[in-house]
Structures are given as C-alpha cells and as structure tokens.
Protein backbone atom coordinates (compact mmCIF):
# COMPACT_ATOMS: atom_id res chain seq x y z
CA MET A 1 30.85 -27.07 -13.25
CA LYS A 2 28.95 -24.29 -15.02
CA ASN A 3 25.90 -23.20 -12.98
CA LYS A 4 22.81 -24.09 -14.82
CA LYS A 5 20.49 -21.15 -15.60
CA GLN A 6 16.83 -21.67 -13.96
CA LYS A 7 14.42 -22.02 -16.83
CA ILE A 8 11.95 -19.11 -16.40
CA GLU A 9 8.43 -20.77 -16.71
CA THR A 10 6.67 -18.00 -18.31
CA GLY A 11 3.27 -19.34 -17.68
CA ASP A 12 3.76 -18.94 -13.88
CA ILE A 13 4.58 -15.69 -14.33
CA ILE A 14 1.74 -14.67 -16.30
CA ASN A 15 -0.47 -16.36 -13.76
CA PHE A 16 1.28 -14.13 -10.91
CA LEU A 17 0.66 -11.14 -13.20
CA ALA A 18 -3.06 -12.11 -13.66
CA GLU A 19 -3.60 -12.43 -9.75
CA ALA A 20 -2.16 -8.98 -9.19
CA GLY A 21 -4.58 -7.68 -11.53
CA GLN A 22 -7.70 -9.05 -9.39
CA LEU A 23 -6.59 -6.29 -6.84
CA LYS A 24 -8.09 -4.04 -9.31
CA ARG A 25 -11.47 -5.65 -8.45
CA VAL A 26 -11.17 -5.85 -4.50
CA LYS A 27 -12.45 -2.99 -2.72
CA ARG A 28 -10.83 -1.39 0.42
CA SER A 29 -13.17 -2.37 3.11
CA GLY A 30 -12.47 -0.16 5.81
CA TRP A 31 -14.45 2.64 4.12
CA TRP A 32 -17.67 0.73 4.11
CA VAL A 33 -17.66 1.28 7.76
CA VAL A 34 -18.15 5.04 7.27
CA GLY A 35 -20.62 4.73 4.51
CA VAL A 36 -18.41 5.06 1.33
CA LYS A 37 -20.08 2.87 -1.43
CA ASP A 38 -17.52 2.84 -4.13
CA ALA A 39 -14.18 2.85 -2.27
CA GLU A 40 -11.02 2.82 -4.02
CA SER A 41 -9.55 -0.68 -5.07
CA VAL A 42 -6.64 -2.12 -3.31
CA ALA A 43 -4.60 -1.40 -6.42
CA GLU A 44 -5.41 2.04 -6.62
CA HIS A 45 -4.44 2.24 -2.83
CA CYS A 46 -0.93 0.46 -3.56
CA PHE A 47 -0.26 2.78 -6.61
CA ARG A 48 -0.64 5.95 -4.58
CA CYS A 49 1.07 4.31 -1.54
CA ALA A 50 4.38 3.59 -3.88
CA VAL A 51 4.25 7.14 -5.17
CA ILE A 52 4.34 8.49 -1.63
CA GLY A 53 6.82 5.66 -0.50
CA TYR A 54 9.27 7.14 -3.28
CA MET A 55 8.93 10.64 -2.01
CA LEU A 56 9.50 9.37 1.44
CA ALA A 57 12.54 7.32 0.56
CA LYS A 58 14.08 10.50 -1.16
CA MET A 59 13.17 12.61 1.93
CA GLU A 60 14.55 10.13 4.47
CA LYS A 61 17.67 9.19 2.37
CA ALA A 62 16.10 5.46 2.04
CA ASP A 63 16.79 3.29 -1.14
CA PRO A 64 13.68 3.84 -3.01
CA TYR A 65 13.98 0.71 -5.13
CA LYS A 66 13.15 -1.46 -1.82
CA VAL A 67 10.58 1.17 -0.60
CA LEU A 68 8.67 0.95 -4.00
CA PHE A 69 8.83 -2.73 -4.01
CA MET A 70 7.54 -2.94 -0.31
CA THR A 71 4.72 -0.50 -1.01
CA LEU A 72 3.43 -2.14 -4.47
CA PHE A 73 3.49 -5.75 -2.99
CA ASN A 74 2.39 -5.33 0.66
CA ASP A 75 -1.24 -5.99 0.02
CA ILE A 76 -0.56 -8.62 -2.92
CA HIS A 77 -2.17 -11.54 -0.59
CA GLU A 78 -5.65 -9.63 -1.04
CA ALA A 79 -6.09 -10.82 -4.41
CA ARG A 80 -6.67 -14.23 -2.74
CA ILE A 81 -8.19 -13.42 0.60
CA ASN A 82 -9.89 -9.84 -0.06
CA ASP A 83 -8.92 -6.75 2.04
CA LEU A 84 -10.33 -7.27 5.65
CA HIS A 85 -11.06 -3.94 7.87
CA LYS A 86 -9.96 -3.45 11.31
CA ILE A 87 -13.17 -4.57 12.87
CA GLY A 88 -12.68 -8.17 11.15
CA HIS A 89 -8.97 -8.23 12.35
CA ARG A 90 -10.25 -8.26 15.95
CA TYR A 91 -11.81 -12.05 15.25
CA ILE A 92 -9.32 -13.37 12.51
CA ASP A 93 -5.65 -13.92 12.72
CA PHE A 94 -5.39 -12.03 9.32
CA LYS A 95 -1.52 -11.80 9.63
CA GLU A 96 -1.05 -15.24 9.73
CA ALA A 97 -3.06 -15.91 6.86
CA GLU A 98 -1.42 -12.93 4.78
CA LYS A 99 1.90 -14.81 5.31
CA LYS A 100 0.32 -18.25 4.11
CA VAL A 101 -1.02 -16.74 0.83
CA PHE A 102 2.02 -14.72 0.24
CA ASP A 103 4.30 -18.02 0.22
CA GLU A 104 1.92 -19.78 -1.81
CA GLN A 105 1.53 -16.98 -4.32
CA VAL A 106 5.43 -16.76 -4.79
CA LYS A 107 6.27 -20.36 -4.52
CA LEU A 108 6.06 -20.89 -8.40
CA LEU A 109 7.92 -17.71 -9.65
CA PRO A 110 11.58 -18.10 -10.58
CA LEU A 111 14.18 -18.59 -7.87
CA ILE A 112 15.78 -15.44 -8.30
CA ILE A 113 12.36 -13.65 -8.28
CA ARG A 114 10.90 -15.58 -5.18
CA ALA A 115 14.19 -15.16 -3.07
CA GLU A 116 13.99 -10.96 -3.42
CA PHE A 117 9.91 -11.15 -2.85
CA SER A 118 10.42 -13.17 0.27
CA ALA A 119 13.36 -11.22 1.75
CA LEU A 120 11.76 -7.95 0.93
CA ARG A 121 8.46 -9.28 2.79
CA LYS A 122 10.43 -10.27 5.65
CA GLU A 123 12.22 -6.93 6.12
CA TYR A 124 8.93 -5.06 5.86
CA ASP A 125 7.42 -7.34 8.32
CA ALA A 126 10.32 -6.97 10.76
CA GLN A 127 10.00 -3.13 10.73
CA ARG A 128 13.78 -3.02 11.56
CA THR A 129 15.41 -1.22 8.24
CA ARG A 130 15.15 2.41 7.25
CA GLU A 131 13.13 1.16 3.99
CA ALA A 132 10.80 -1.02 5.78
CA VAL A 133 9.83 1.87 8.37
CA VAL A 134 9.57 4.23 5.46
CA ALA A 135 7.16 1.92 3.33
CA ARG A 136 4.88 1.36 6.43
CA ASP A 137 4.61 5.28 6.83
CA ALA A 138 3.77 5.50 3.19
CA ASP A 139 0.74 3.13 3.62
CA ILE A 140 -0.12 4.99 6.67
CA LEU A 141 -0.04 8.31 4.99
CA GLU A 142 -2.06 6.91 2.07
CA CYS A 143 -4.97 5.95 4.04
CA ILE A 144 -4.83 9.53 5.85
CA LEU A 145 -4.80 11.02 2.40
CA GLN A 146 -7.60 8.97 1.54
CA ALA A 147 -9.52 9.63 4.43
CA LYS A 148 -8.84 13.61 4.39
CA GLU A 149 -10.28 13.25 0.90
CA TYR A 150 -13.54 11.28 1.67
CA HIS A 151 -14.10 13.60 4.80
CA GLU A 152 -13.87 16.62 2.46
CA PHE A 153 -16.17 14.90 -0.15
CA GLY A 154 -18.81 14.52 2.62
CA TYR A 155 -18.23 11.45 4.65
CA GLU A 156 -18.04 12.99 7.78
CA GLN A 157 -16.69 9.82 9.91
CA ALA A 158 -13.86 9.30 7.40
CA GLY A 159 -12.00 12.13 9.74
CA SER A 160 -11.76 9.61 12.37
CA PHE A 161 -9.57 7.50 10.19
CA MET A 162 -7.35 10.34 9.61
CA ARG A 163 -6.72 11.50 13.20
CA ALA A 164 -6.15 7.48 14.18
CA GLY A 165 -3.31 6.77 11.94
CA THR A 166 -1.16 9.64 13.06
CA LYS A 167 0.28 8.11 16.27
CA PHE A 168 1.70 5.22 14.23
CA LEU A 169 4.05 7.46 11.89
CA LYS A 170 7.64 7.01 12.78
CA THR A 171 9.79 9.19 10.18
CA ARG A 172 10.21 12.60 10.54
CA SER A 173 9.04 13.40 6.75
CA ALA A 174 5.76 11.41 7.31
CA ARG A 175 4.82 13.60 10.46
CA GLU A 176 5.66 16.66 8.39
CA LEU A 177 3.51 15.65 5.32
CA PHE A 178 1.02 14.73 7.73
CA LYS A 179 0.77 18.18 9.36
CA ARG A 180 0.75 19.91 5.90
CA MET A 181 -2.24 17.49 5.10
CA LYS A 182 -4.37 18.66 7.84
CA ARG A 183 -4.27 22.10 6.47
CA TRP A 184 -4.37 21.15 2.92
CA ASP A 185 -7.48 21.70 0.75
CA HIS A 186 -8.07 18.61 -1.59
CA LYS A 187 -9.05 21.15 -4.34
CA LYS A 188 -5.56 22.73 -4.35
CA TRP A 189 -3.78 20.74 -6.88
CA TRP A 190 -6.57 21.22 -9.56
CA ILE A 191 -8.59 24.45 -9.06
CA HIS A 192 -6.21 26.83 -10.69
CA LEU A 193 -5.93 24.52 -13.68
CA THR A 194 -9.75 24.94 -14.51
CA LYS A 195 -9.84 28.67 -15.44
CA PHE A 196 -12.42 29.57 -17.58
CA GLU A 197 -11.45 31.76 -20.59
CA ARG A 198 -13.77 34.09 -22.53
C-alpha cells in the first residue's frame, strides 16, 4: 500500500505566517525598566539573534540550520502572550505558558512541519546538544549587544543587563565575542562609511 501524501492546508500556513508577523508589533518589555521608550520588537530581536546564531554555529562547528531554526522561532509564542520581562517571571510561570502556546500554534501545521518544530523546540528547551547551547548563547549575546547599544545611546541602566547576561554564556566563542563587545564602540561599523568629500 502506497503512503498517502498529507494534504497541505495552505490556509493554516497563512494563518501561522500572519501570526509570526505579529512579532513585528510586540515590543521587548525588559527595556521599559531602564527607560527605553521605543524598544526593539521581538521580530527585530529574533532576526539579529539568528544572525548571531549562524556566526556562532560556524565558530563552534555546530549545525547552522538547526541553530537558525531555534533562534528564529524561540520567541514565536510571544505573538499570543507578549514579551514578559524578568520581574514578571518572578510571579508568573511563563515557561509553562510558552509551551502551551507553542503546542497550539503548531497544532494545525502539516505533520512534517509540526514534527520538526516540536523536535527542535524540545531540543532547545533541554539544552543538551551543541546546537541548543549555541542558540541560547546567541539569544543572550543579542541581549548583551542591545544593552551595550542602548547604554551608549544614553540609557545608563542598560549596562546592568550587559553585565548580568555574561555569566550564562557557555560556549568559548560566545565568551570571546563578549570580551570584544566590552571594548567595542557601537559607531565603529558605520563611522568610516560617512566620510564627507569636498
């Protein structure tokens, strides 16, 4: 008997894509505490997190595809329940809510996609593989880099976020990047591109 191909329900895929787009409007809430009025969105955080994850995966000889997946979809649940800063985490079991939301979000996706989403999410949560550790380090490094930028833009208290995150970095490459970040000037990448000519 031949295997029947599962019919792909494109409407469910479009709904998922629309929901992912909601992350463009969800602001990262931890920065409110230090006075940042117009913080980056969750989607913006996920994008740079994925870029960092790719670089770290190459440096650590991990599977970049798995790391990219984990970094891109790590916060997908926030499309439904928003971002909650660490003060809120003291009072609400947000991890449990994240799992419940994620399971509901992927439930209507085609089985082949749903299975991959679920497997990689479990792998990330367990933090036992090189890829999961690299993806988590990428998330932390993105927050550290953002904190440094906000600090240099004048949000003085953002520096405390930068210092707090470093004790959680596990890979050699992430710790190496952090050491460079401490001395790095946020203008360095663009200042030489703005030379005025007569």
